[in-house]
Amino acid sequence: MVINHSATAGTLESSDALITVEPGEGGIALDVTSSVMNQYGRQIKATVLETLGRLDVTDAKVTVVDKGALDCTLKARVECAVFRSCDKSASDIPWGGVIQ
């Protein structure tokens, strides 16, 4: 998928994450901020990159502000932000078919 414009998904509430996706400058640029970075930073990055890979996103700037979100929440937030950035409507979203 091609990122057309900046989009966000999520909140800064506890157990959630705020994901911002923007057009990239060649490749994936990932910036993660988390209060549990020392314990779960690698897992957060791996989950976000895996989700982007499943969505065929190859060029994007992604910012993650994590507040203790579970992997399933991170996947959902990344998926939502990407679909918003591509101007996908609800009828165009392949629910359940892309993210496993």
N, C-alpha and C. Protein backbone atom coordinates (compact mmCIF):
# COMPACT_ATOMS: atom_id res chain seq x y z
N MET A 1 0.84 -1.18 0.00
CA MET A 1 0.00 0.00 0.00
C MET A 1 0.88 1.24 0.00
N VAL A 2 0.40 2.25 -0.63
CA VAL A 2 1.12 3.52 -0.70
C VAL A 2 0.50 4.49 0.29
N ILE A 3 1.33 5.08 1.13
CA ILE A 3 0.88 6.07 2.11
C ILE A 3 0.73 7.40 1.39
N ASN A 4 -0.51 7.90 1.30
CA ASN A 4 -0.78 9.14 0.58
C ASN A 4 -0.59 10.39 1.44
N HIS A 5 -0.98 10.29 2.70
CA HIS A 5 -0.89 11.45 3.60
C HIS A 5 -0.81 10.98 5.04
N SER A 6 -0.54 11.88 5.95
CA SER A 6 -0.41 11.57 7.36
C SER A 6 -1.75 11.13 7.94
N ALA A 7 -1.71 10.12 8.81
CA ALA A 7 -2.92 9.64 9.49
C ALA A 7 -2.51 9.07 10.84
N THR A 8 -3.44 9.13 11.79
CA THR A 8 -3.18 8.58 13.12
C THR A 8 -4.29 7.63 13.53
N ALA A 9 -3.97 6.81 14.51
CA ALA A 9 -4.95 5.92 15.13
C ALA A 9 -4.52 5.67 16.56
N GLY A 10 -5.48 5.57 17.46
CA GLY A 10 -5.19 5.28 18.86
C GLY A 10 -5.30 6.50 19.74
N THR A 11 -4.94 6.29 21.01
CA THR A 11 -4.99 7.36 22.00
C THR A 11 -3.73 7.29 22.87
N LEU A 12 -3.64 8.23 23.78
CA LEU A 12 -2.54 8.24 24.74
C LEU A 12 -3.00 7.75 26.12
N GLU A 13 -4.12 7.02 26.12
CA GLU A 13 -4.63 6.43 27.35
C GLU A 13 -3.77 5.22 27.75
N SER A 14 -3.86 4.83 28.99
CA SER A 14 -3.14 3.66 29.47
C SER A 14 -3.59 2.42 28.70
N SER A 15 -2.65 1.53 28.40
CA SER A 15 -2.88 0.29 27.66
C SER A 15 -3.25 0.51 26.20
N ASP A 16 -2.89 1.65 25.65
CA ASP A 16 -3.16 1.95 24.24
C ASP A 16 -1.87 2.48 23.61
N ALA A 17 -1.96 2.84 22.36
CA ALA A 17 -0.81 3.43 21.65
C ALA A 17 -1.34 4.41 20.62
N LEU A 18 -0.59 5.46 20.37
CA LEU A 18 -0.91 6.42 19.32
C LEU A 18 0.07 6.18 18.18
N ILE A 19 -0.47 5.79 17.03
CA ILE A 19 0.33 5.48 15.86
C ILE A 19 0.12 6.56 14.82
N THR A 20 1.21 7.12 14.30
CA THR A 20 1.15 8.10 13.22
C THR A 20 1.91 7.54 12.03
N VAL A 21 1.26 7.56 10.87
CA VAL A 21 1.87 7.07 9.63
C VAL A 21 1.93 8.24 8.66
N GLU A 22 3.10 8.44 8.06
CA GLU A 22 3.31 9.52 7.10
C GLU A 22 4.04 8.98 5.87
N PRO A 23 3.93 9.67 4.74
CA PRO A 23 4.71 9.24 3.57
C PRO A 23 6.20 9.22 3.90
N GLY A 24 6.88 8.21 3.41
CA GLY A 24 8.30 8.04 3.72
C GLY A 24 9.20 8.66 2.68
N GLU A 25 10.49 8.51 2.92
CA GLU A 25 11.51 9.03 2.02
C GLU A 25 12.39 7.89 1.53
N GLY A 26 11.79 6.73 1.36
CA GLY A 26 12.53 5.54 0.93
C GLY A 26 12.74 4.60 2.08
N GLY A 27 11.94 3.57 2.17
CA GLY A 27 12.05 2.61 3.26
C GLY A 27 11.14 2.95 4.42
N ILE A 28 11.27 2.15 5.47
CA ILE A 28 10.48 2.34 6.68
C ILE A 28 11.34 3.03 7.74
N ALA A 29 10.87 4.17 8.22
CA ALA A 29 11.52 4.87 9.33
C ALA A 29 10.61 4.72 10.54
N LEU A 30 11.08 4.04 11.57
CA LEU A 30 10.26 3.74 12.74
C LEU A 30 10.82 4.43 13.96
N ASP A 31 9.97 5.20 14.64
CA ASP A 31 10.35 5.89 15.88
C ASP A 31 9.39 5.43 16.97
N VAL A 32 9.93 4.79 18.00
CA VAL A 32 9.10 4.25 19.08
C VAL A 32 9.46 4.93 20.39
N THR A 33 8.43 5.39 21.10
CA THR A 33 8.57 5.93 22.44
C THR A 33 7.67 5.10 23.35
N SER A 34 8.23 4.58 24.44
CA SER A 34 7.44 3.75 25.34
C SER A 34 8.03 3.79 26.74
N SER A 35 7.14 3.74 27.73
CA SER A 35 7.60 3.70 29.12
C SER A 35 8.18 2.33 29.46
N VAL A 36 7.91 1.34 28.61
CA VAL A 36 8.43 -0.01 28.83
C VAL A 36 9.41 -0.40 27.72
N MET A 37 10.11 0.58 27.19
CA MET A 37 11.03 0.36 26.08
C MET A 37 12.11 -0.66 26.42
N ASN A 38 12.66 -0.59 27.62
CA ASN A 38 13.73 -1.52 28.00
C ASN A 38 13.24 -2.97 28.04
N GLN A 39 12.02 -3.18 28.46
CA GLN A 39 11.49 -4.53 28.57
C GLN A 39 10.91 -5.04 27.25
N TYR A 40 10.17 -4.20 26.52
CA TYR A 40 9.39 -4.66 25.37
C TYR A 40 9.68 -3.93 24.07
N GLY A 41 10.70 -3.12 24.02
CA GLY A 41 11.00 -2.32 22.83
C GLY A 41 11.18 -3.15 21.57
N ARG A 42 11.93 -4.25 21.66
CA ARG A 42 12.13 -5.11 20.48
C ARG A 42 10.83 -5.72 20.00
N GLN A 43 9.98 -6.14 20.93
CA GLN A 43 8.70 -6.75 20.56
C GLN A 43 7.77 -5.72 19.93
N ILE A 44 7.75 -4.51 20.45
CA ILE A 44 6.92 -3.45 19.87
C ILE A 44 7.36 -3.18 18.43
N LYS A 45 8.66 -3.02 18.23
CA LYS A 45 9.18 -2.76 16.88
C LYS A 45 8.87 -3.92 15.94
N ALA A 46 9.06 -5.14 16.41
CA ALA A 46 8.80 -6.32 15.57
C ALA A 46 7.33 -6.41 15.18
N THR A 47 6.44 -6.13 16.12
CA THR A 47 5.00 -6.19 15.83
C THR A 47 4.61 -5.14 14.81
N VAL A 48 5.10 -3.93 14.95
CA VAL A 48 4.77 -2.86 14.00
C VAL A 48 5.34 -3.18 12.62
N LEU A 49 6.57 -3.61 12.55
CA LEU A 49 7.18 -3.93 11.26
C LEU A 49 6.51 -5.12 10.59
N GLU A 50 6.13 -6.12 11.36
CA GLU A 50 5.43 -7.28 10.81
C GLU A 50 4.07 -6.86 10.23
N THR A 51 3.37 -6.00 10.93
CA THR A 51 2.06 -5.54 10.46
C THR A 51 2.21 -4.72 9.19
N LEU A 52 3.20 -3.84 9.15
CA LEU A 52 3.45 -3.07 7.93
C LEU A 52 3.79 -3.99 6.77
N GLY A 53 4.56 -5.03 7.03
CA GLY A 53 4.91 -5.99 6.00
C GLY A 53 3.69 -6.70 5.44
N ARG A 54 2.79 -7.12 6.32
CA ARG A 54 1.57 -7.80 5.87
C ARG A 54 0.66 -6.88 5.06
N LEU A 55 0.77 -5.58 5.30
CA LEU A 55 -0.02 -4.61 4.54
C LEU A 55 0.71 -4.14 3.29
N ASP A 56 1.88 -4.68 3.03
CA ASP A 56 2.71 -4.31 1.88
C ASP A 56 3.10 -2.84 1.88
N VAL A 57 3.36 -2.29 3.05
CA VAL A 57 3.85 -0.92 3.17
C VAL A 57 5.37 -0.99 3.16
N THR A 58 5.98 -0.33 2.18
CA THR A 58 7.44 -0.38 2.05
C THR A 58 8.10 0.99 2.19
N ASP A 59 7.30 2.04 2.21
CA ASP A 59 7.84 3.40 2.27
C ASP A 59 6.96 4.24 3.18
N ALA A 60 7.40 4.43 4.42
CA ALA A 60 6.60 5.19 5.38
C ALA A 60 7.45 5.63 6.56
N LYS A 61 7.01 6.72 7.18
CA LYS A 61 7.57 7.17 8.45
C LYS A 61 6.50 6.85 9.49
N VAL A 62 6.84 6.02 10.47
CA VAL A 62 5.89 5.57 11.47
C VAL A 62 6.37 5.99 12.85
N THR A 63 5.49 6.65 13.59
CA THR A 63 5.79 7.07 14.95
C THR A 63 4.84 6.34 15.90
N VAL A 64 5.41 5.71 16.92
CA VAL A 64 4.63 4.97 17.90
C VAL A 64 4.86 5.58 19.27
N VAL A 65 3.78 6.00 19.93
CA VAL A 65 3.85 6.43 21.33
C VAL A 65 3.05 5.40 22.11
N ASP A 66 3.76 4.49 22.75
CA ASP A 66 3.15 3.35 23.43
C ASP A 66 2.89 3.65 24.89
N LYS A 67 1.72 3.26 25.35
CA LYS A 67 1.36 3.42 26.76
C LYS A 67 1.00 2.07 27.37
N GLY A 68 1.73 1.03 26.94
CA GLY A 68 1.50 -0.30 27.49
C GLY A 68 0.53 -1.13 26.68
N ALA A 69 0.44 -0.90 25.39
CA ALA A 69 -0.50 -1.62 24.54
C ALA A 69 -0.05 -3.06 24.31
N LEU A 70 -1.02 -3.95 24.19
CA LEU A 70 -0.74 -5.34 23.84
C LEU A 70 -0.47 -5.42 22.34
N ASP A 71 0.11 -6.54 21.91
CA ASP A 71 0.41 -6.73 20.49
C ASP A 71 -0.83 -6.59 19.61
N CYS A 72 -1.96 -7.15 20.04
CA CYS A 72 -3.18 -7.07 19.23
C CYS A 72 -3.63 -5.63 19.06
N THR A 73 -3.42 -4.80 20.08
CA THR A 73 -3.78 -3.39 19.99
C THR A 73 -2.84 -2.67 19.03
N LEU A 74 -1.55 -2.95 19.11
CA LEU A 74 -0.59 -2.34 18.20
C LEU A 74 -0.93 -2.68 16.75
N LYS A 75 -1.25 -3.96 16.49
CA LYS A 75 -1.61 -4.38 15.13
C LYS A 75 -2.84 -3.63 14.63
N ALA A 76 -3.85 -3.53 15.47
CA ALA A 76 -5.08 -2.85 15.07
C ALA A 76 -4.84 -1.37 14.80
N ARG A 77 -4.02 -0.73 15.63
CA ARG A 77 -3.75 0.71 15.46
C ARG A 77 -2.93 0.97 14.19
N VAL A 78 -1.95 0.13 13.93
CA VAL A 78 -1.14 0.29 12.71
C VAL A 78 -2.02 0.07 11.49
N GLU A 79 -2.82 -0.98 11.50
CA GLU A 79 -3.71 -1.27 10.37
C GLU A 79 -4.65 -0.10 10.11
N CYS A 80 -5.26 0.43 11.16
CA CYS A 80 -6.19 1.55 11.02
C CYS A 80 -5.50 2.79 10.47
N ALA A 81 -4.34 3.13 10.99
CA ALA A 81 -3.61 4.32 10.52
C ALA A 81 -3.23 4.18 9.05
N VAL A 82 -2.79 2.99 8.66
CA VAL A 82 -2.41 2.76 7.26
C VAL A 82 -3.63 2.90 6.35
N PHE A 83 -4.74 2.27 6.72
CA PHE A 83 -5.94 2.37 5.89
C PHE A 83 -6.43 3.81 5.80
N ARG A 84 -6.34 4.56 6.90
CA ARG A 84 -6.74 5.98 6.86
C ARG A 84 -5.82 6.78 5.94
N SER A 85 -4.53 6.47 5.96
CA SER A 85 -3.57 7.22 5.15
C SER A 85 -3.73 6.93 3.66
N CYS A 86 -4.38 5.82 3.33
CA CYS A 86 -4.60 5.43 1.94
C CYS A 86 -6.01 5.79 1.47
N ASP A 87 -6.77 6.47 2.33
CA ASP A 87 -8.15 6.87 2.02
C ASP A 87 -9.04 5.69 1.69
N LYS A 88 -8.85 4.59 2.40
CA LYS A 88 -9.71 3.43 2.22
C LYS A 88 -11.03 3.69 2.96
N SER A 89 -12.12 3.39 2.29
CA SER A 89 -13.42 3.48 2.96
C SER A 89 -13.72 2.13 3.60
N ALA A 90 -14.73 2.09 4.44
CA ALA A 90 -15.09 0.85 5.13
C ALA A 90 -15.38 -0.28 4.15
N SER A 91 -15.93 0.05 2.99
CA SER A 91 -16.26 -0.99 2.02
C SER A 91 -15.02 -1.52 1.29
N ASP A 92 -13.92 -0.78 1.31
CA ASP A 92 -12.69 -1.19 0.63
C ASP A 92 -11.71 -1.93 1.53
N ILE A 93 -12.01 -2.02 2.82
CA ILE A 93 -11.07 -2.62 3.75
C ILE A 93 -11.29 -4.13 3.80
N PRO A 94 -10.23 -4.90 3.61
CA PRO A 94 -10.34 -6.36 3.63
C PRO A 94 -10.35 -6.89 5.06
N TRP A 95 -11.41 -6.64 5.80
CA TRP A 95 -11.49 -7.01 7.21
C TRP A 95 -11.20 -8.49 7.40
N GLY A 96 -10.28 -8.77 8.29
CA GLY A 96 -9.97 -10.14 8.66
C GLY A 96 -9.09 -10.87 7.66
N GLY A 97 -8.85 -10.30 6.51
CA GLY A 97 -8.08 -11.01 5.50
C GLY A 97 -6.62 -10.64 5.43
N VAL A 98 -6.25 -9.49 5.96
CA VAL A 98 -4.88 -9.02 5.83
C VAL A 98 -4.09 -9.32 7.10
N ILE A 99 -4.60 -8.95 8.23
CA ILE A 99 -3.90 -9.12 9.49
C ILE A 99 -4.32 -10.45 10.11
N GLN A 100 -3.33 -11.26 10.47
CA GLN A 100 -3.62 -12.56 11.08
C GLN A 100 -3.00 -12.63 12.45
